[in-house]
Full PDB file with SEQRES, HELIX, SHEET, SSBOND, CRYST1, ORIGX, SCALE, CONECT and MASTER records, all heavy atoms in Angstrom:
SEQRES   1 A   40  LEU ALA ALA GLU PHE ASP GLU TYR VAL GLU LEU HIS GLY          
SEQRES   2 A   40  LEU LEU THR GLY ARG ASP VAL ALA ARG LEU ILE GLY PRO          
SEQRES   3 A   40  GLU ASP ILE GLN GLU ALA ALA GLY LEU LEU GLU ARG GLY          
SEQRES   4 A   40  SER                                                          
HELIX    1 AA1 PHE A    5  GLU A    7  5                                   3    
HELIX    2 AA2 VAL A    9  LEU A   11  5                                   3    
HELIX    3 AA3 PRO A   26  ALA A   33  1                                   8    
CRYST1    1.000    1.000    1.000  90.00  90.00  90.00 P 1           1          
ORIGX1      1.000000  0.000000  0.000000        0.00000                         
ORIGX2      0.000000  1.000000  0.000000        0.00000                         
ORIGX3      0.000000  0.000000  1.000000        0.00000                         
SCALE1      1.000000  0.000000  0.000000        0.00000                         
SCALE2      0.000000  1.000000  0.000000        0.00000                         
SCALE3      0.000000  0.000000  1.000000        0.00000                         
ATOM      1  N   LEU A   1      16.259 -68.346  -6.037  1.00  0.00           N  
ATOM      2  CA  LEU A   1      16.156 -66.944  -6.394  1.00  0.00           C  
ATOM      3  C   LEU A   1      15.021 -66.321  -5.595  1.00  0.00           C  
ATOM      4  O   LEU A   1      14.023 -66.980  -5.302  1.00  0.00           O  
ATOM      5  CB  LEU A   1      15.866 -66.788  -7.888  1.00  0.00           C  
ATOM      6  CG  LEU A   1      16.801 -67.525  -8.857  1.00  0.00           C  
ATOM      7  CD1 LEU A   1      16.278 -67.405 -10.279  1.00  0.00           C  
ATOM      8  CD2 LEU A   1      18.208 -66.974  -8.753  1.00  0.00           C  
ATOM      9  N   ALA A   2      15.154 -65.059  -5.270  1.00  0.00           N  
ATOM     10  CA  ALA A   2      14.090 -64.341  -4.575  1.00  0.00           C  
ATOM     11  C   ALA A   2      13.830 -63.040  -5.314  1.00  0.00           C  
ATOM     12  O   ALA A   2      14.763 -62.400  -5.807  1.00  0.00           O  
ATOM     13  CB  ALA A   2      14.477 -64.058  -3.133  1.00  0.00           C  
ATOM     14  N   ALA A   3      12.556 -62.657  -5.395  1.00  0.00           N  
ATOM     15  CA  ALA A   3      12.188 -61.431  -6.087  1.00  0.00           C  
ATOM     16  C   ALA A   3      11.109 -60.703  -5.301  1.00  0.00           C  
ATOM     17  O   ALA A   3      10.225 -61.325  -4.714  1.00  0.00           O  
ATOM     18  CB  ALA A   3      11.683 -61.745  -7.490  1.00  0.00           C  
ATOM     19  N   GLU A   4      11.203 -59.377  -5.306  1.00  0.00           N  
ATOM     20  CA  GLU A   4      10.194 -58.542  -4.664  1.00  0.00           C  
ATOM     21  C   GLU A   4       8.912 -58.577  -5.492  1.00  0.00           C  
ATOM     22  O   GLU A   4       8.939 -58.804  -6.699  1.00  0.00           O  
ATOM     23  CB  GLU A   4      10.706 -57.100  -4.560  1.00  0.00           C  
ATOM     24  CG  GLU A   4      11.943 -56.942  -3.701  1.00  0.00           C  
ATOM     25  CD  GLU A   4      11.696 -57.201  -2.227  1.00  0.00           C  
ATOM     26  OE1 GLU A   4      10.546 -57.020  -1.762  1.00  0.00           O  
ATOM     27  OE2 GLU A   4      12.651 -57.590  -1.539  1.00  0.00           O  
ATOM     28  N   PHE A   5       7.790 -58.334  -4.851  1.00  0.00           N  
ATOM     29  CA  PHE A   5       6.496 -58.329  -5.534  1.00  0.00           C  
ATOM     30  C   PHE A   5       6.470 -57.346  -6.700  1.00  0.00           C  
ATOM     31  O   PHE A   5       5.858 -57.623  -7.725  1.00  0.00           O  
ATOM     32  CB  PHE A   5       5.378 -57.986  -4.550  1.00  0.00           C  
ATOM     33  CG  PHE A   5       4.874 -59.162  -3.762  1.00  0.00           C  
ATOM     34  CD1 PHE A   5       5.584 -60.343  -3.661  1.00  0.00           C  
ATOM     35  CD2 PHE A   5       3.665 -59.072  -3.112  1.00  0.00           C  
ATOM     36  CE1 PHE A   5       5.106 -61.416  -2.938  1.00  0.00           C  
ATOM     37  CE2 PHE A   5       3.170 -60.136  -2.381  1.00  0.00           C  
ATOM     38  CZ  PHE A   5       3.887 -61.309  -2.298  1.00  0.00           C  
ATOM     39  N   ASP A   6       7.095 -56.196  -6.558  1.00  0.00           N  
ATOM     40  CA  ASP A   6       7.038 -55.176  -7.597  1.00  0.00           C  
ATOM     41  C   ASP A   6       7.715 -55.604  -8.901  1.00  0.00           C  
ATOM     42  O   ASP A   6       7.560 -54.937  -9.925  1.00  0.00           O  
ATOM     43  CB  ASP A   6       7.620 -53.856  -7.103  1.00  0.00           C  
ATOM     44  CG  ASP A   6       6.653 -53.118  -6.201  1.00  0.00           C  
ATOM     45  OD1 ASP A   6       5.449 -53.471  -6.193  1.00  0.00           O  
ATOM     46  OD2 ASP A   6       7.081 -52.187  -5.501  1.00  0.00           O  
ATOM     47  N   GLU A   7       8.438 -56.721  -8.880  1.00  0.00           N  
ATOM     48  CA  GLU A   7       9.047 -57.231 -10.099  1.00  0.00           C  
ATOM     49  C   GLU A   7       8.045 -58.013 -10.956  1.00  0.00           C  
ATOM     50  O   GLU A   7       8.379 -58.427 -12.058  1.00  0.00           O  
ATOM     51  CB  GLU A   7      10.251 -58.108  -9.754  1.00  0.00           C  
ATOM     52  CG  GLU A   7      11.376 -57.325  -9.089  1.00  0.00           C  
ATOM     53  CD  GLU A   7      12.559 -58.184  -8.728  1.00  0.00           C  
ATOM     54  OE1 GLU A   7      12.925 -59.075  -9.540  1.00  0.00           O  
ATOM     55  OE2 GLU A   7      13.122 -57.987  -7.632  1.00  0.00           O  
ATOM     56  N   TYR A   8       6.822 -58.206 -10.426  1.00  0.00           N  
ATOM     57  CA  TYR A   8       5.776 -58.940 -11.133  1.00  0.00           C  
ATOM     58  C   TYR A   8       4.591 -58.020 -11.378  1.00  0.00           C  
ATOM     59  O   TYR A   8       4.097 -57.378 -10.451  1.00  0.00           O  
ATOM     60  CB  TYR A   8       5.301 -60.148 -10.306  1.00  0.00           C  
ATOM     61  CG  TYR A   8       6.360 -61.200 -10.147  1.00  0.00           C  
ATOM     62  CD1 TYR A   8       7.314 -61.094  -9.141  1.00  0.00           C  
ATOM     63  CD2 TYR A   8       6.408 -62.287 -11.001  1.00  0.00           C  
ATOM     64  CE1 TYR A   8       8.296 -62.064  -8.997  1.00  0.00           C  
ATOM     65  CE2 TYR A   8       7.391 -63.254 -10.861  1.00  0.00           C  
ATOM     66  CZ  TYR A   8       8.334 -63.136  -9.858  1.00  0.00           C  
ATOM     67  OH  TYR A   8       9.301 -64.079  -9.724  1.00  0.00           O  
ATOM     68  N   VAL A   9       4.098 -57.989 -12.605  1.00  0.00           N  
ATOM     69  CA  VAL A   9       2.976 -57.121 -12.956  1.00  0.00           C  
ATOM     70  C   VAL A   9       1.776 -57.419 -12.073  1.00  0.00           C  
ATOM     71  O   VAL A   9       1.138 -56.514 -11.540  1.00  0.00           O  
ATOM     72  CB  VAL A   9       2.615 -57.286 -14.454  1.00  0.00           C  
ATOM     73  CG1 VAL A   9       1.340 -56.547 -14.788  1.00  0.00           C  
ATOM     74  CG2 VAL A   9       3.758 -56.825 -15.329  1.00  0.00           C  
ATOM     75  N   GLU A  10       1.448 -58.698 -11.890  1.00  0.00           N  
ATOM     76  CA  GLU A  10       0.258 -59.076 -11.136  1.00  0.00           C  
ATOM     77  C   GLU A  10       0.373 -58.818  -9.635  1.00  0.00           C  
ATOM     78  O   GLU A  10      -0.620 -58.841  -8.924  1.00  0.00           O  
ATOM     79  CB  GLU A  10      -0.135 -60.530 -11.401  1.00  0.00           C  
ATOM     80  CG  GLU A  10       0.915 -61.552 -11.014  1.00  0.00           C  
ATOM     81  CD  GLU A  10       1.867 -61.920 -12.143  1.00  0.00           C  
ATOM     82  OE1 GLU A  10       2.344 -61.033 -12.875  1.00  0.00           O  
ATOM     83  OE2 GLU A  10       2.149 -63.106 -12.285  1.00  0.00           O  
ATOM     84  N   LEU A  11       1.577 -58.568  -9.132  1.00  0.00           N  
ATOM     85  CA  LEU A  11       1.787 -58.311  -7.700  1.00  0.00           C  
ATOM     86  C   LEU A  11       2.212 -56.874  -7.420  1.00  0.00           C  
ATOM     87  O   LEU A  11       2.312 -56.470  -6.259  1.00  0.00           O  
ATOM     88  CB  LEU A  11       2.856 -59.263  -7.141  1.00  0.00           C  
ATOM     89  CG  LEU A  11       2.561 -60.751  -7.264  1.00  0.00           C  
ATOM     90  CD1 LEU A  11       3.763 -61.562  -6.805  1.00  0.00           C  
ATOM     91  CD2 LEU A  11       1.322 -61.128  -6.479  1.00  0.00           C  
ATOM     92  N   HIS A  12       2.459 -56.108  -8.469  1.00  0.00           N  
ATOM     93  CA  HIS A  12       2.966 -54.745  -8.330  1.00  0.00           C  
ATOM     94  C   HIS A  12       2.024 -53.893  -7.469  1.00  0.00           C  
ATOM     95  O   HIS A  12       0.825 -53.875  -7.661  1.00  0.00           O  
ATOM     96  CB  HIS A  12       3.146 -54.098  -9.700  1.00  0.00           C  
ATOM     97  CG  HIS A  12       3.774 -52.752  -9.643  1.00  0.00           C  
ATOM     98  ND1 HIS A  12       5.122 -52.584  -9.438  1.00  0.00           N  
ATOM     99  CD2 HIS A  12       3.242 -51.514  -9.729  1.00  0.00           C  
ATOM    100  CE1 HIS A  12       5.388 -51.292  -9.409  1.00  0.00           C  
ATOM    101  NE2 HIS A  12       4.264 -50.621  -9.584  1.00  0.00           N  
ATOM    102  N   GLY A  13       2.587 -53.216  -6.505  1.00  0.00           N  
ATOM    103  CA  GLY A  13       1.828 -52.295  -5.669  1.00  0.00           C  
ATOM    104  C   GLY A  13       1.109 -52.915  -4.483  1.00  0.00           C  
ATOM    105  O   GLY A  13       0.472 -52.213  -3.711  1.00  0.00           O  
ATOM    106  N   LEU A  14       1.203 -54.232  -4.311  1.00  0.00           N  
ATOM    107  CA  LEU A  14       0.512 -54.870  -3.187  1.00  0.00           C  
ATOM    108  C   LEU A  14       1.164 -54.585  -1.840  1.00  0.00           C  
ATOM    109  O   LEU A  14       0.501 -54.598  -0.814  1.00  0.00           O  
ATOM    110  CB  LEU A  14       0.428 -56.389  -3.389  1.00  0.00           C  
ATOM    111  CG  LEU A  14      -0.615 -56.849  -4.390  1.00  0.00           C  
ATOM    112  CD1 LEU A  14      -0.512 -58.350  -4.610  1.00  0.00           C  
ATOM    113  CD2 LEU A  14      -2.004 -56.485  -3.911  1.00  0.00           C  
ATOM    114  N   LEU A  15       2.454 -54.344  -1.853  1.00  0.00           N  
ATOM    115  CA  LEU A  15       3.172 -54.069  -0.607  1.00  0.00           C  
ATOM    116  C   LEU A  15       3.606 -52.612  -0.574  1.00  0.00           C  
ATOM    117  O   LEU A  15       4.760 -52.290  -0.813  1.00  0.00           O  
ATOM    118  CB  LEU A  15       4.385 -54.992  -0.469  1.00  0.00           C  
ATOM    119  CG  LEU A  15       4.067 -56.420  -0.090  1.00  0.00           C  
ATOM    120  CD1 LEU A  15       5.307 -57.297  -0.197  1.00  0.00           C  
ATOM    121  CD2 LEU A  15       3.497 -56.497   1.307  1.00  0.00           C  
ATOM    122  N   THR A  16       2.658 -51.758  -0.288  1.00  0.00           N  
ATOM    123  CA  THR A  16       2.966 -50.339  -0.170  1.00  0.00           C  
ATOM    124  C   THR A  16       2.231 -49.780   1.030  1.00  0.00           C  
ATOM    125  O   THR A  16       1.251 -50.342   1.500  1.00  0.00           O  
ATOM    126  CB  THR A  16       2.526 -49.560  -1.420  1.00  0.00           C  
ATOM    127  OG1 THR A  16       1.123 -49.735  -1.609  1.00  0.00           O  
ATOM    128  CG2 THR A  16       3.276 -50.004  -2.654  1.00  0.00           C  
ATOM    129  N   GLY A  17       2.725 -48.693   1.545  1.00  0.00           N  
ATOM    130  CA  GLY A  17       2.048 -48.013   2.640  1.00  0.00           C  
ATOM    131  C   GLY A  17       2.572 -48.388   4.005  1.00  0.00           C  
ATOM    132  O   GLY A  17       3.553 -49.118   4.154  1.00  0.00           O  
ATOM    133  N   ARG A  18       1.885 -47.907   4.996  1.00  0.00           N  
ATOM    134  CA  ARG A  18       2.348 -48.063   6.378  1.00  0.00           C  
ATOM    135  C   ARG A  18       2.161 -49.467   6.927  1.00  0.00           C  
ATOM    136  O   ARG A  18       2.736 -49.824   7.943  1.00  0.00           O  
ATOM    137  CB  ARG A  18       1.645 -47.060   7.279  1.00  0.00           C  
ATOM    138  CG  ARG A  18       0.147 -47.245   7.364  1.00  0.00           C  
ATOM    139  CD  ARG A  18      -0.478 -46.219   8.293  1.00  0.00           C  
ATOM    140  NE  ARG A  18      -1.903 -46.410   8.408  1.00  0.00           N  
ATOM    141  CZ  ARG A  18      -2.467 -47.270   9.240  1.00  0.00           C  
ATOM    142  NH1 ARG A  18      -1.741 -48.001  10.035  1.00  0.00           N  
ATOM    143  NH2 ARG A  18      -3.779 -47.403   9.270  1.00  0.00           N  
ATOM    144  N   ASP A  19       1.344 -50.304   6.266  1.00  0.00           N  
ATOM    145  CA  ASP A  19       1.105 -51.661   6.755  1.00  0.00           C  
ATOM    146  C   ASP A  19       2.275 -52.602   6.494  1.00  0.00           C  
ATOM    147  O   ASP A  19       2.329 -53.685   7.044  1.00  0.00           O  
ATOM    148  CB  ASP A  19      -0.148 -52.250   6.095  1.00  0.00           C  
ATOM    149  CG  ASP A  19      -1.419 -51.586   6.576  1.00  0.00           C  
ATOM    150  OD1 ASP A  19      -1.364 -50.899   7.620  1.00  0.00           O  
ATOM    151  OD2 ASP A  19      -2.453 -51.744   5.918  1.00  0.00           O  
ATOM    152  N   VAL A  20       3.200 -52.208   5.637  1.00  0.00           N  
ATOM    153  CA  VAL A  20       4.292 -53.081   5.227  1.00  0.00           C  
ATOM    154  C   VAL A  20       5.406 -53.103   6.266  1.00  0.00           C  
ATOM    155  O   VAL A  20       5.812 -52.068   6.780  1.00  0.00           O  
ATOM    156  CB  VAL A  20       4.851 -52.632   3.859  1.00  0.00           C  
ATOM    157  CG1 VAL A  20       6.059 -53.448   3.465  1.00  0.00           C  
ATOM    158  CG2 VAL A  20       3.772 -52.727   2.800  1.00  0.00           C  
ATOM    159  N   ALA A  21       5.869 -54.298   6.575  1.00  0.00           N  
ATOM    160  CA  ALA A  21       7.029 -54.483   7.454  1.00  0.00           C  
ATOM    161  C   ALA A  21       7.873 -55.587   6.837  1.00  0.00           C  
ATOM    162  O   ALA A  21       7.373 -56.669   6.552  1.00  0.00           O  
ATOM    163  CB  ALA A  21       6.583 -54.881   8.858  1.00  0.00           C  
ATOM    164  N   ARG A  22       9.098 -55.310   6.586  1.00  0.00           N  
ATOM    165  CA  ARG A  22       9.986 -56.310   5.970  1.00  0.00           C  
ATOM    166  C   ARG A  22      10.392 -57.336   7.025  1.00  0.00           C  
ATOM    167  O   ARG A  22      11.320 -57.114   7.800  1.00  0.00           O  
ATOM    168  CB  ARG A  22      11.197 -55.638   5.345  1.00  0.00           C  
ATOM    169  CG  ARG A  22      10.844 -54.705   4.219  1.00  0.00           C  
ATOM    170  CD  ARG A  22      10.223 -55.459   3.068  1.00  0.00           C  
ATOM    171  NE  ARG A  22       9.799 -54.541   2.019  1.00  0.00           N  
ATOM    172  CZ  ARG A  22       9.121 -54.928   0.958  1.00  0.00           C  
ATOM    173  NH1 ARG A  22       8.781 -56.180   0.822  1.00  0.00           N  
ATOM    174  NH2 ARG A  22       8.766 -54.060   0.057  1.00  0.00           N  
ATOM    175  N   LEU A  23       9.671 -58.441   7.067  1.00  0.00           N  
ATOM    176  CA  LEU A  23       9.916 -59.486   8.065  1.00  0.00           C  
ATOM    177  C   LEU A  23      10.552 -60.740   7.479  1.00  0.00           C  
ATOM    178  O   LEU A  23      11.154 -61.519   8.205  1.00  0.00           O  
ATOM    179  CB  LEU A  23       8.600 -59.859   8.758  1.00  0.00           C  
ATOM    180  CG  LEU A  23       7.873 -58.725   9.475  1.00  0.00           C  
ATOM    181  CD1 LEU A  23       6.532 -59.214  10.010  1.00  0.00           C  
ATOM    182  CD2 LEU A  23       8.729 -58.175  10.595  1.00  0.00           C  
ATOM    183  N   ILE A  24      10.408 -60.962   6.178  1.00  0.00           N  
ATOM    184  CA  ILE A  24      10.952 -62.157   5.541  1.00  0.00           C  
ATOM    185  C   ILE A  24      12.416 -61.907   5.208  1.00  0.00           C  
ATOM    186  O   ILE A  24      12.747 -61.001   4.443  1.00  0.00           O  
ATOM    187  CB  ILE A  24      10.170 -62.508   4.259  1.00  0.00           C  
ATOM    188  CG1 ILE A  24       8.701 -62.770   4.593  1.00  0.00           C  
ATOM    189  CG2 ILE A  24      10.788 -63.730   3.581  1.00  0.00           C  
ATOM    190  CD1 ILE A  24       7.810 -62.956   3.377  1.00  0.00           C  
ATOM    191  N   GLY A  25      13.284 -62.709   5.805  1.00  0.00           N  
ATOM    192  CA  GLY A  25      14.713 -62.546   5.592  1.00  0.00           C  
ATOM    193  C   GLY A  25      15.306 -63.669   4.766  1.00  0.00           C  
ATOM    194  O   GLY A  25      14.601 -64.618   4.381  1.00  0.00           O  
ATOM    195  N   PRO A  26      16.597 -63.592   4.494  1.00  0.00           N  
ATOM    196  CA  PRO A  26      17.273 -64.618   3.683  1.00  0.00           C  
ATOM    197  C   PRO A  26      17.130 -66.032   4.246  1.00  0.00           C  
ATOM    198  O   PRO A  26      16.993 -66.993   3.486  1.00  0.00           O  
ATOM    199  CB  PRO A  26      18.740 -64.166   3.694  1.00  0.00           C  
ATOM    200  CG  PRO A  26      18.697 -62.712   4.016  1.00  0.00           C  
ATOM    201  CD  PRO A  26      17.501 -62.505   4.879  1.00  0.00           C  
ATOM    202  N   GLU A  27      17.140 -66.162   5.569  1.00  0.00           N  
ATOM    203  CA  GLU A  27      16.997 -67.500   6.174  1.00  0.00           C  
ATOM    204  C   GLU A  27      15.616 -68.070   5.884  1.00  0.00           C  
ATOM    205  O   GLU A  27      15.472 -69.274   5.631  1.00  0.00           O  
ATOM    206  CB  GLU A  27      17.212 -67.447   7.693  1.00  0.00           C  
ATOM    207  CG  GLU A  27      18.525 -66.833   8.124  1.00  0.00           C  
ATOM    208  CD  GLU A  27      18.457 -65.302   8.203  1.00  0.00           C  
ATOM    209  OE1 GLU A  27      17.356 -64.712   8.331  1.00  0.00           O  
ATOM    210  OE2 GLU A  27      19.532 -64.686   8.110  1.00  0.00           O  
ATOM    211  N   ASP A  28      14.591 -67.214   5.947  1.00  0.00           N  
ATOM    212  CA  ASP A  28      13.226 -67.654   5.656  1.00  0.00           C  
ATOM    213  C   ASP A  28      13.094 -68.110   4.208  1.00  0.00           C  
ATOM    214  O   ASP A  28      12.439 -69.113   3.914  1.00  0.00           O  
ATOM    215  CB  ASP A  28      12.228 -66.523   5.922  1.00  0.00           C  
ATOM    216  CG  ASP A  28      12.294 -66.019   7.349  1.00  0.00           C  
ATOM    217  OD1 ASP A  28      12.274 -66.853   8.280  1.00  0.00           O  
ATOM    218  OD2 ASP A  28      12.388 -64.791   7.531  1.00  0.00           O  
ATOM    219  N   ILE A  29      13.735 -67.378   3.315  1.00  0.00           N  
ATOM    220  CA  ILE A  29      13.690 -67.708   1.886  1.00  0.00           C  
ATOM    221  C   ILE A  29      14.352 -69.062   1.648  1.00  0.00           C  
ATOM    222  O   ILE A  29      13.806 -69.917   0.939  1.00  0.00           O  
ATOM    223  CB  ILE A  29      14.353 -66.599   1.047  1.00  0.00           C  
ATOM    224  CG1 ILE A  29      13.534 -65.314   1.165  1.00  0.00           C  
ATOM    225  CG2 ILE A  29      14.520 -67.034  -0.408  1.00  0.00           C  
ATOM    226  CD1 ILE A  29      14.236 -64.070   0.662  1.00  0.00           C  
ATOM    227  N   GLN A  30      15.506 -69.283   2.253  1.00  0.00           N  
ATOM    228  CA  GLN A  30      16.200 -70.562   2.087  1.00  0.00           C  
ATOM    229  C   GLN A  30      15.389 -71.720   2.666  1.00  0.00           C  
ATOM    230  O   GLN A  30      15.302 -72.799   2.065  1.00  0.00           O  
ATOM    231  CB  GLN A  30      17.592 -70.509   2.741  1.00  0.00           C  
ATOM    232  CG  GLN A  30      18.580 -69.644   2.008  1.00  0.00           C  
ATOM    233  CD  GLN A  30      18.851 -70.129   0.592  1.00  0.00           C  
ATOM    234  OE1 GLN A  30      18.939 -71.316   0.316  1.00  0.00           O  
ATOM    235  NE2 GLN A  30      18.980 -69.184  -0.339  1.00  0.00           N  
ATOM    236  N   GLU A  31      14.785 -71.495   3.831  1.00  0.00           N  
ATOM    237  CA  GLU A  31      13.976 -72.548   4.448  1.00  0.00           C  
ATOM    238  C   GLU A  31      12.759 -72.873   3.585  1.00  0.00           C  
ATOM    239  O   GLU A  31      12.434 -74.039   3.355  1.00  0.00           O  
ATOM    240  CB  GLU A  31      13.526 -72.126   5.841  1.00  0.00           C  
ATOM    241  CG  GLU A  31      12.767 -73.216   6.569  1.00  0.00           C  
ATOM    242  CD  GLU A  31      12.410 -72.834   7.987  1.00  0.00           C  
ATOM    243  OE1 GLU A  31      13.013 -71.894   8.550  1.00  0.00           O  
ATOM    244  OE2 GLU A  31      11.513 -73.487   8.541  1.00  0.00           O  
ATOM    245  N   ALA A  32      12.080 -71.849   3.090  1.00  0.00           N  
ATOM    246  CA  ALA A  32      10.914 -72.065   2.231  1.00  0.00           C  
ATOM    247  C   ALA A  32      11.322 -72.753   0.928  1.00  0.00           C  
ATOM    248  O   ALA A  32      10.634 -73.664   0.453  1.00  0.00           O  
ATOM    249  CB  ALA A  32      10.221 -70.744   1.941  1.00  0.00           C  
ATOM    250  N   ALA A  33      12.452 -72.349   0.359  1.00  0.00           N  
ATOM    251  CA  ALA A  33      12.926 -72.960  -0.882  1.00  0.00           C  
ATOM    252  C   ALA A  33      13.238 -74.438  -0.682  1.00  0.00           C  
ATOM    253  O   ALA A  33      13.114 -75.231  -1.618  1.00  0.00           O  
ATOM    254  CB  ALA A  33      14.148 -72.217  -1.403  1.00  0.00           C  
ATOM    255  N   GLY A  34      13.604 -74.817   0.533  1.00  0.00           N  
ATOM    256  CA  GLY A  34      13.847 -76.220   0.839  1.00  0.00           C  
ATOM    257  C   GLY A  34      12.595 -77.067   0.721  1.00  0.00           C  
ATOM    258  O   GLY A  34      12.670 -78.291   0.594  1.00  0.00           O  
ATOM    259  N   LEU A  35      11.434 -76.442   0.754  1.00  0.00           N  
ATOM    260  CA  LEU A  35      10.162 -77.145   0.602  1.00  0.00           C  
ATOM    261  C   LEU A  35       9.777 -77.324  -0.863  1.00  0.00           C  
ATOM    262  O   LEU A  35       8.849 -78.069  -1.174  1.00  0.00           O  
ATOM    263  CB  LEU A  35       9.040 -76.377   1.311  1.00  0.00           C  
ATOM    264  CG  LEU A  35       9.218 -76.115   2.798  1.00  0.00           C  
ATOM    265  CD1 LEU A  35       8.153 -75.148   3.297  1.00  0.00           C  
ATOM    266  CD2 LEU A  35       9.179 -77.423   3.560  1.00  0.00           C  
ATOM    267  N   LEU A  36      10.469 -76.612  -1.749  1.00  0.00           N  
ATOM    268  CA  LEU A  36      10.114 -76.608  -3.167  1.00  0.00           C  
ATOM    269  C   LEU A  36      10.871 -77.661  -3.954  1.00  0.00           C  
ATOM    270  O   LEU A  36      12.035 -77.937  -3.681  1.00  0.00           O  
ATOM    271  CB  LEU A  36      10.422 -75.237  -3.774  1.00  0.00           C  
ATOM    272  CG  LEU A  36       9.714 -74.037  -3.178  1.00  0.00           C  
ATOM    273  CD1 LEU A  36      10.202 -72.758  -3.853  1.00  0.00           C  
ATOM    274  CD2 LEU A  36       8.211 -74.183  -3.312  1.00  0.00           C  
ATOM    275  N   GLU A  37      10.187 -78.195  -4.954  1.00  0.00           N  
ATOM    276  CA  GLU A  37      10.849 -79.074  -5.910  1.00  0.00           C  
ATOM    277  C   GLU A  37      11.617 -78.206  -6.902  1.00  0.00           C  
ATOM    278  O   GLU A  37      11.304 -77.031  -7.078  1.00  0.00           O  
ATOM    279  CB  GLU A  37       9.813 -79.910  -6.651  1.00  0.00           C  
ATOM    280  CG  GLU A  37       9.052 -80.864  -5.747  1.00  0.00           C  
ATOM    281  CD  GLU A  37       8.002 -81.658  -6.506  1.00  0.00           C  
ATOM    282  OE1 GLU A  37       8.032 -81.658  -7.758  1.00  0.00           O  
ATOM    283  OE2 GLU A  37       7.162 -82.262  -5.837  1.00  0.00           O  
ATOM    284  N   ARG A  38      12.611 -78.792  -7.547  1.00  0.00           N  
ATOM    285  CA  ARG A  38      13.328 -78.050  -8.588  1.00  0.00           C  
ATOM    286  C   ARG A  38      12.348 -77.665  -9.694  1.00  0.00           C  
ATOM    287  O   ARG A  38      11.450 -78.416 -10.024  1.00  0.00           O  
ATOM    288  CB  ARG A  38      14.459 -78.900  -9.164  1.00  0.00           C  
ATOM    289  CG  ARG A  38      15.599 -79.073  -8.194  1.00  0.00           C  
ATOM    290  CD  ARG A  38      16.663 -79.990  -8.767  1.00  0.00           C  
ATOM    291  NE  ARG A  38      17.741 -80.133  -7.814  1.00  0.00           N  
ATOM    292  CZ  ARG A  38      19.006 -79.891  -8.099  1.00  0.00           C  
ATOM    293  NH1 ARG A  38      19.351 -79.524  -9.316  1.00  0.00           N  
ATOM    294  NH2 ARG A  38      19.920 -80.031  -7.180  1.00  0.00           N  
ATOM    295  N   GLY A  39      12.542 -76.470 -10.219  1.00  0.00           N  
ATOM    296  CA  GLY A  39      11.667 -76.000 -11.289  1.00  0.00           C  
ATOM    297  C   GLY A  39      10.312 -75.533 -10.793  1.00  0.00           C  
ATOM    298  O   GLY A  39       9.326 -75.628 -11.507  1.00  0.00           O  
ATOM    299  N   SER A  40      10.253 -75.020  -9.555  1.00  0.00           N  
ATOM    300  CA  SER A  40       8.984 -74.525  -9.018  1.00  0.00           C  
ATOM    301  C   SER A  40       9.216 -73.204  -8.288  1.00  0.00           C  
ATOM    302  O   SER A  40      10.342 -72.775  -8.092  1.00  0.00           O  
ATOM    303  CB  SER A  40       8.355 -75.559  -8.086  1.00  0.00           C  
ATOM    304  OG  SER A  40       9.149 -75.761  -6.932  1.00  0.00           O  
TER     305      SER A  40                                                      
MASTER        0    0    0    3    0    0    0    6  304    1    0    4          
END                                                                             
């Protein structure tokens, strides 16, 4: 599963403004998830 920062209270508002560039794509998420154990 993948979720944007704004879906979390503690991360809300961290990715706003002109500095933000959407660089993380679905392939990156799948590759990173491959590093995770189940339930993490």
